[in-house]
């Protein structure tokens, strides 16, 4: 629904705190993934 897309985009824009490079986003995502996997390993292995 294109009429709803613009207001919803405005809500998300308010949550942006900083502009990151693609590398920074991937690095942060991978760091979070590693932390989750390590936590799972501690609980299930």
C-alpha atoms as a PDB file:
ATOM      1  CA  UNK A   1       0.000   0.000   0.000  1.00  0.00           C
ATOM      2  CA  UNK A   2       1.885   3.049  -1.243  1.00  0.00           C
ATOM      3  CA  UNK A   3      -0.308   5.476   0.712  1.00  0.00           C
ATOM      4  CA  UNK A   4       0.763   3.884   3.996  1.00  0.00           C
ATOM      5  CA  UNK A   5       4.423   3.551   2.985  1.00  0.00           C
ATOM      6  CA  UNK A   6       5.336   7.212   3.458  1.00  0.00           C
ATOM      7  CA  UNK A   7       3.986   7.592   7.037  1.00  0.00           C
ATOM      8  CA  UNK A   8       5.524   4.275   8.067  1.00  0.00           C
ATOM      9  CA  UNK A   9       8.864   5.362   6.617  1.00  0.00           C
ATOM     10  CA  UNK A  10       8.690   8.491   8.744  1.00  0.00           C
ATOM     11  CA  UNK A  11       8.286   6.427  11.903  1.00  0.00           C
ATOM     12  CA  UNK A  12      11.393   4.406  11.099  1.00  0.00           C
ATOM     13  CA  UNK A  13      13.446   7.486  10.190  1.00  0.00           C
ATOM     14  CA  UNK A  14      13.104   8.721  13.766  1.00  0.00           C
ATOM     15  CA  UNK A  15      14.975   5.643  15.006  1.00  0.00           C
ATOM     16  CA  UNK A  16      18.122   6.316  12.949  1.00  0.00           C
ATOM     17  CA  UNK A  17      20.864   7.537  15.288  1.00  0.00           C
ATOM     18  CA  UNK A  18      23.877   7.424  12.975  1.00  0.00           C
ATOM     19  CA  UNK A  19      24.912   6.757   9.402  1.00  0.00           C
ATOM     20  CA  UNK A  20      27.004   3.594   9.087  1.00  0.00           C
ATOM     21  CA  UNK A  21      28.934   2.130   6.198  1.00  0.00           C
ATOM     22  CA  UNK A  22      27.901  -1.251   4.830  1.00  0.00           C
ATOM     23  CA  UNK A  23      31.075  -2.722   6.367  1.00  0.00           C
ATOM     24  CA  UNK A  24      30.170  -1.373   9.806  1.00  0.00           C
ATOM     25  CA  UNK A  25      26.670  -2.843   9.542  1.00  0.00           C
ATOM     26  CA  UNK A  26      28.010  -6.252   8.502  1.00  0.00           C
ATOM     27  CA  UNK A  27      30.680  -6.177  11.241  1.00  0.00           C
ATOM     28  CA  UNK A  28      28.092  -5.321  13.910  1.00  0.00           C
ATOM     29  CA  UNK A  29      25.731  -8.002  12.627  1.00  0.00           C
ATOM     30  CA  UNK A  30      28.485 -10.627  12.662  1.00  0.00           C
ATOM     31  CA  UNK A  31      29.583  -9.603  16.169  1.00  0.00           C
ATOM     32  CA  UNK A  32      26.007 -10.023  17.386  1.00  0.00           C
ATOM     33  CA  UNK A  33      25.762 -13.387  15.633  1.00  0.00           C
ATOM     34  CA  UNK A  34      29.009 -14.559  17.256  1.00  0.00           C
ATOM     35  CA  UNK A  35      27.729 -13.509  20.688  1.00  0.00           C
ATOM     36  CA  UNK A  36      24.444 -15.386  20.211  1.00  0.00           C
ATOM     37  CA  UNK A  37      26.209 -18.532  18.989  1.00  0.00           C
ATOM     38  CA  UNK A  38      28.657 -18.426  21.919  1.00  0.00           C
ATOM     39  CA  UNK A  39      25.751 -18.050  24.341  1.00  0.00           C
ATOM     40  CA  UNK A  40      23.912 -20.978  22.756  1.00  0.00           C
ATOM     41  CA  UNK A  41      27.049 -23.105  22.942  1.00  0.00           C
ATOM     42  CA  UNK A  42      27.318 -22.398  26.675  1.00  0.00           C
ATOM     43  CA  UNK A  43      23.743 -23.522  27.234  1.00  0.00           C
ATOM     44  CA  UNK A  44      23.448 -26.549  24.971  1.00  0.00           C
ATOM     45  CA  UNK A  45      26.887 -28.123  24.626  1.00  0.00           C
END
